[in-house]
Amino acid sequence: MTLDELNALDRRQFAAALEGVFEGSPWIAERTHAAGPFASLDALHRALTATMLQATEDAQLALLRAHPELAGKAALAGEMTAASMHEQSSAGLRACTPDEFARLTSLNRRYNERFGFPFILAVRNLDRRQILDEFARRVERERDAEFAECLAQVSQIARLRLDAMFDSR
């Protein structure tokens, strides 16, 4: 699909075409459709991100909670989206040592207890050590700063997923 073909779709088709760009949150594409047509992938990404940022805090929290934990239960059970599975695998999270897995499990638990949503990080081009270091740093932050950081990470993940969608066609 090209950007011109995407622009020609109705709202339902547009949301279906962008399924998975924002994990478990088709409402972002549905609400963004009316802002089109989009002159570039950058314009599309900016509009999608603006929709996410203009949403209520409850909607944003639901978006964050739709993301799987890093190397968490969903990963172990194979219950993640294909995009999430690929992203976590490419960062080496499926090949954790027992110690790394124990540290991730502990950090996931602490993070969720502290913030009420999973740790979100665009893991492309990061290795396990970098991911664990960032996780340990961010679990100590204030909730408002971490909420904003997670939304920024979701936007970055969405951009990477858009790039993959349009580069592969």
C-alpha atoms as a PDB file:
ATOM      1  CA  MET A   1       0.000   0.000   0.000  1.00  0.00           C
ATOM      2  CA  THR A   2       1.174   3.504  -0.789  1.00  0.00           C
ATOM      3  CA  LEU A   3       0.385   6.666   1.121  1.00  0.00           C
ATOM      4  CA  ASP A   4      -1.936   7.738  -1.720  1.00  0.00           C
ATOM      5  CA  GLU A   5      -3.810   4.440  -1.418  1.00  0.00           C
ATOM      6  CA  LEU A   6      -4.046   4.883   2.357  1.00  0.00           C
ATOM      7  CA  ASN A   7      -5.391   8.422   1.899  1.00  0.00           C
ATOM      8  CA  ALA A   8      -8.139   7.089  -0.399  1.00  0.00           C
ATOM      9  CA  LEU A   9      -9.542   4.709   2.228  1.00  0.00           C
ATOM     10  CA  ASP A  10     -12.645   5.378   4.272  1.00  0.00           C
ATOM     11  CA  ARG A  11     -12.328   5.669   8.051  1.00  0.00           C
ATOM     12  CA  ARG A  12     -12.898   1.973   8.780  1.00  0.00           C
ATOM     13  CA  GLN A  13     -10.490   0.821   6.049  1.00  0.00           C
ATOM     14  CA  PHE A  14      -7.913   3.416   7.124  1.00  0.00           C
ATOM     15  CA  ALA A  15      -8.022   2.144  10.717  1.00  0.00           C
ATOM     16  CA  ALA A  16      -7.770  -1.468   9.516  1.00  0.00           C
ATOM     17  CA  ALA A  17      -4.780  -0.645   7.309  1.00  0.00           C
ATOM     18  CA  LEU A  18      -2.979   0.936  10.268  1.00  0.00           C
ATOM     19  CA  GLU A  19      -3.892  -1.832  12.717  1.00  0.00           C
ATOM     20  CA  GLY A  20      -1.033  -2.547  15.052  1.00  0.00           C
ATOM     21  CA  VAL A  21       0.747   0.769  14.596  1.00  0.00           C
ATOM     22  CA  PHE A  22      -0.562   1.718  18.043  1.00  0.00           C
ATOM     23  CA  GLU A  23      -0.745  -1.466  20.107  1.00  0.00           C
ATOM     24  CA  GLY A  24      -4.349  -2.502  20.715  1.00  0.00           C
ATOM     25  CA  SER A  25      -5.631   1.030  20.070  1.00  0.00           C
ATOM     26  CA  PRO A  26      -7.409   1.349  16.708  1.00  0.00           C
ATOM     27  CA  TRP A  27      -9.193   4.468  17.983  1.00  0.00           C
ATOM     28  CA  ILE A  28      -6.080   6.532  17.220  1.00  0.00           C
ATOM     29  CA  ALA A  29      -6.202   5.797  13.485  1.00  0.00           C
ATOM     30  CA  GLU A  30     -10.008   6.088  13.451  1.00  0.00           C
ATOM     31  CA  ARG A  31      -9.878   9.579  14.999  1.00  0.00           C
ATOM     32  CA  THR A  32      -6.951  10.662  12.809  1.00  0.00           C
ATOM     33  CA  HIS A  33      -8.588   9.739   9.510  1.00  0.00           C
ATOM     34  CA  ALA A  34     -10.486  13.051   9.309  1.00  0.00           C
ATOM     35  CA  ALA A  35      -7.184  14.994   9.403  1.00  0.00           C
ATOM     36  CA  GLY A  36      -6.150  13.530   6.012  1.00  0.00           C
ATOM     37  CA  PRO A  37      -5.163  13.382   3.315  1.00  0.00           C
ATOM     38  CA  PHE A  38      -1.566  13.163   4.465  1.00  0.00           C
ATOM     39  CA  ALA A  39       1.152  14.597   2.237  1.00  0.00           C
ATOM     40  CA  SER A  40       3.923  12.481   3.740  1.00  0.00           C
ATOM     41  CA  LEU A  41       4.649   9.746   6.221  1.00  0.00           C
ATOM     42  CA  ASP A  42       5.915  12.462   8.564  1.00  0.00           C
ATOM     43  CA  ALA A  43       2.561  14.261   8.332  1.00  0.00           C
ATOM     44  CA  LEU A  44       0.687  11.022   9.015  1.00  0.00           C
ATOM     45  CA  HIS A  45       2.867  10.245  12.030  1.00  0.00           C
ATOM     46  CA  ARG A  46       2.482  13.780  13.413  1.00  0.00           C
ATOM     47  CA  ALA A  47      -1.307  13.565  13.065  1.00  0.00           C
ATOM     48  CA  LEU A  48      -1.479  10.140  14.721  1.00  0.00           C
ATOM     49  CA  THR A  49       0.724  11.338  17.577  1.00  0.00           C
ATOM     50  CA  ALA A  50      -1.378  14.494  17.990  1.00  0.00           C
ATOM     51  CA  THR A  51      -4.504  12.342  18.274  1.00  0.00           C
ATOM     52  CA  MET A  52      -2.813  10.259  20.966  1.00  0.00           C
ATOM     53  CA  LEU A  53      -1.647  13.323  22.899  1.00  0.00           C
ATOM     54  CA  GLN A  54      -5.048  15.059  22.683  1.00  0.00           C
ATOM     55  CA  ALA A  55      -6.882  12.041  24.089  1.00  0.00           C
ATOM     56  CA  THR A  56      -8.083  11.883  27.658  1.00  0.00           C
ATOM     57  CA  GLU A  57      -5.696  10.572  30.269  1.00  0.00           C
ATOM     58  CA  ASP A  58      -7.930   7.499  30.635  1.00  0.00           C
ATOM     59  CA  ALA A  59      -7.608   6.748  26.906  1.00  0.00           C
ATOM     60  CA  GLN A  60      -3.854   7.295  27.065  1.00  0.00           C
ATOM     61  CA  LEU A  61      -3.597   4.991  30.081  1.00  0.00           C
ATOM     62  CA  ALA A  62      -5.551   2.298  28.212  1.00  0.00           C
ATOM     63  CA  LEU A  63      -3.113   2.701  25.304  1.00  0.00           C
ATOM     64  CA  LEU A  64      -0.124   2.239  27.612  1.00  0.00           C
ATOM     65  CA  ARG A  65      -1.737  -0.763  29.278  1.00  0.00           C
ATOM     66  CA  ALA A  66      -2.284  -2.357  25.845  1.00  0.00           C
ATOM     67  CA  HIS A  67       1.500  -2.743  25.529  1.00  0.00           C
ATOM     68  CA  PRO A  68       3.064  -5.994  26.714  1.00  0.00           C
ATOM     69  CA  GLU A  69       5.737  -6.112  29.386  1.00  0.00           C
ATOM     70  CA  LEU A  70       9.265  -6.638  28.129  1.00  0.00           C
ATOM     71  CA  ALA A  71       9.949 -10.385  28.312  1.00  0.00           C
ATOM     72  CA  GLY A  72       6.798 -10.688  30.426  1.00  0.00           C
ATOM     73  CA  LYS A  73       3.974 -13.215  30.623  1.00  0.00           C
ATOM     74  CA  ALA A  74       2.538 -12.381  27.199  1.00  0.00           C
ATOM     75  CA  ALA A  75       5.959 -12.850  25.608  1.00  0.00           C
ATOM     76  CA  LEU A  76       6.462 -16.199  27.300  1.00  0.00           C
ATOM     77  CA  ALA A  77       2.992 -17.369  26.261  1.00  0.00           C
ATOM     78  CA  GLY A  78       3.403 -16.091  22.679  1.00  0.00           C
ATOM     79  CA  GLU A  79       0.379 -13.823  23.126  1.00  0.00           C
ATOM     80  CA  MET A  80       1.858 -10.582  21.786  1.00  0.00           C
ATOM     81  CA  THR A  81       1.231  -8.940  18.457  1.00  0.00           C
ATOM     82  CA  ALA A  82       3.613  -9.924  15.681  1.00  0.00           C
ATOM     83  CA  ALA A  83       5.190  -6.460  15.794  1.00  0.00           C
ATOM     84  CA  SER A  84       5.866  -6.680  19.539  1.00  0.00           C
ATOM     85  CA  MET A  85       7.263 -10.192  19.216  1.00  0.00           C
ATOM     86  CA  HIS A  86       9.598  -9.086  16.445  1.00  0.00           C
ATOM     87  CA  GLU A  87      10.734  -5.970  18.341  1.00  0.00           C
ATOM     88  CA  GLN A  88      11.467  -7.870  21.547  1.00  0.00           C
ATOM     89  CA  SER A  89      13.204 -10.713  19.688  1.00  0.00           C
ATOM     90  CA  SER A  90      15.378  -8.317  17.684  1.00  0.00           C
ATOM     91  CA  ALA A  91      16.554  -6.765  20.962  1.00  0.00           C
ATOM     92  CA  GLY A  92      17.547 -10.198  22.245  1.00  0.00           C
ATOM     93  CA  LEU A  93      14.870 -10.317  24.935  1.00  0.00           C
ATOM     94  CA  ARG A  94      13.845 -13.851  23.982  1.00  0.00           C
ATOM     95  CA  ALA A  95      17.417 -14.966  24.682  1.00  0.00           C
ATOM     96  CA  CYS A  96      17.787 -13.596  28.220  1.00  0.00           C
ATOM     97  CA  THR A  97      20.014 -15.399  30.661  1.00  0.00           C
ATOM     98  CA  PRO A  98      18.263 -16.614  33.821  1.00  0.00           C
ATOM     99  CA  ASP A  99      19.731 -13.641  35.737  1.00  0.00           C
ATOM    100  CA  GLU A 100      18.578 -11.143  33.084  1.00  0.00           C
ATOM    101  CA  PHE A 101      15.126 -12.700  33.034  1.00  0.00           C
ATOM    102  CA  ALA A 102      14.909 -12.511  36.843  1.00  0.00           C
ATOM    103  CA  ARG A 103      15.956  -8.848  36.733  1.00  0.00           C
ATOM    104  CA  LEU A 104      13.385  -8.063  34.026  1.00  0.00           C
ATOM    105  CA  THR A 105      10.679  -9.854  35.999  1.00  0.00           C
ATOM    106  CA  SER A 106      11.544  -7.868  39.119  1.00  0.00           C
ATOM    107  CA  LEU A 107      11.679  -4.573  37.212  1.00  0.00           C
ATOM    108  CA  ASN A 108       8.349  -5.301  35.484  1.00  0.00           C
ATOM    109  CA  ARG A 109       6.726  -5.956  38.868  1.00  0.00           C
ATOM    110  CA  ARG A 110       8.215  -2.843  40.522  1.00  0.00           C
ATOM    111  CA  TYR A 111       7.380  -0.662  37.548  1.00  0.00           C
ATOM    112  CA  ASN A 112       3.752  -1.813  37.329  1.00  0.00           C
ATOM    113  CA  GLU A 113       3.274  -1.423  41.087  1.00  0.00           C
ATOM    114  CA  ARG A 114       4.753   2.071  41.002  1.00  0.00           C
ATOM    115  CA  PHE A 115       3.088   3.429  37.851  1.00  0.00           C
ATOM    116  CA  GLY A 116       0.098   1.224  37.020  1.00  0.00           C
ATOM    117  CA  PHE A 117       1.169   0.595  33.424  1.00  0.00           C
ATOM    118  CA  PRO A 118       3.969  -1.382  31.751  1.00  0.00           C
ATOM    119  CA  PHE A 119       7.416  -0.043  30.972  1.00  0.00           C
ATOM    120  CA  ILE A 120       7.507   1.015  27.330  1.00  0.00           C
ATOM    121  CA  LEU A 121      10.693   1.488  25.372  1.00  0.00           C
ATOM    122  CA  ALA A 122      11.399   1.528  21.644  1.00  0.00           C
ATOM    123  CA  VAL A 123      13.949  -1.279  21.777  1.00  0.00           C
ATOM    124  CA  ARG A 124      15.210  -1.158  18.193  1.00  0.00           C
ATOM    125  CA  ASN A 125      18.996  -0.758  18.114  1.00  0.00           C
ATOM    126  CA  LEU A 126      19.294  -1.431  21.857  1.00  0.00           C
ATOM    127  CA  ASP A 127      20.812  -4.524  23.428  1.00  0.00           C
ATOM    128  CA  ARG A 128      19.645  -6.267  26.598  1.00  0.00           C
ATOM    129  CA  ARG A 129      22.140  -4.416  28.810  1.00  0.00           C
ATOM    130  CA  GLN A 130      21.002  -1.027  27.502  1.00  0.00           C
ATOM    131  CA  ILE A 131      17.364  -2.001  27.966  1.00  0.00           C
ATOM    132  CA  LEU A 132      17.941  -3.203  31.535  1.00  0.00           C
ATOM    133  CA  ASP A 133      19.921  -0.046  32.382  1.00  0.00           C
ATOM    134  CA  GLU A 134      17.169   2.201  31.005  1.00  0.00           C
ATOM    135  CA  PHE A 135      14.511   0.176  32.805  1.00  0.00           C
ATOM    136  CA  ALA A 136      16.369   0.494  36.133  1.00  0.00           C
ATOM    137  CA  ARG A 137      16.799   4.247  35.626  1.00  0.00           C
ATOM    138  CA  ARG A 138      13.195   4.934  34.692  1.00  0.00           C
ATOM    139  CA  VAL A 139      11.580   2.872  37.471  1.00  0.00           C
ATOM    140  CA  GLU A 140      12.879   5.519  39.901  1.00  0.00           C
ATOM    141  CA  ARG A 141      11.242   8.498  38.155  1.00  0.00           C
ATOM    142  CA  GLU A 142       8.113  10.422  39.080  1.00  0.00           C
ATOM    143  CA  ARG A 143       4.847   9.129  37.594  1.00  0.00           C
ATOM    144  CA  ASP A 144       4.028  12.211  35.489  1.00  0.00           C
ATOM    145  CA  ALA A 145       7.467  12.223  33.874  1.00  0.00           C
ATOM    146  CA  GLU A 146       7.265   8.497  33.225  1.00  0.00           C
ATOM    147  CA  PHE A 147       3.737   8.718  31.798  1.00  0.00           C
ATOM    148  CA  ALA A 148       4.931  11.385  29.335  1.00  0.00           C
ATOM    149  CA  GLU A 149       8.030   9.336  28.497  1.00  0.00           C
ATOM    150  CA  CYS A 150       5.934   6.258  27.762  1.00  0.00           C
ATOM    151  CA  LEU A 151       3.708   8.266  25.400  1.00  0.00           C
ATOM    152  CA  ALA A 152       6.847   9.543  23.642  1.00  0.00           C
ATOM    153  CA  GLN A 153       8.112   5.958  23.362  1.00  0.00           C
ATOM    154  CA  VAL A 154       4.737   4.826  21.945  1.00  0.00           C
ATOM    155  CA  SER A 155       5.037   7.551  19.311  1.00  0.00           C
ATOM    156  CA  GLN A 156       8.559   6.402  18.448  1.00  0.00           C
ATOM    157  CA  ILE A 157       7.410   2.766  18.204  1.00  0.00           C
ATOM    158  CA  ALA A 158       4.520   3.862  15.969  1.00  0.00           C
ATOM    159  CA  ARG A 159       6.947   5.670  13.666  1.00  0.00           C
ATOM    160  CA  LEU A 160       9.147   2.598  13.389  1.00  0.00           C
ATOM    161  CA  ARG A 161       6.103   0.478  12.594  1.00  0.00           C
ATOM    162  CA  LEU A 162       4.895   2.970   9.968  1.00  0.00           C
ATOM    163  CA  ASP A 163       8.342   2.971   8.375  1.00  0.00           C
ATOM    164  CA  ALA A 164       8.282  -0.832   8.243  1.00  0.00           C
ATOM    165  CA  MET A 165       4.789  -0.861   6.722  1.00  0.00           C
ATOM    166  CA  PHE A 166       5.624   1.577   3.966  1.00  0.00           C
ATOM    167  CA  ASP A 167       9.227   0.456   3.303  1.00  0.00           C
ATOM    168  CA  SER A 168       8.176  -3.140   2.759  1.00  0.00           C
ATOM    169  CA  ARG A 169       5.675  -2.391   0.004  1.00  0.00           C
END
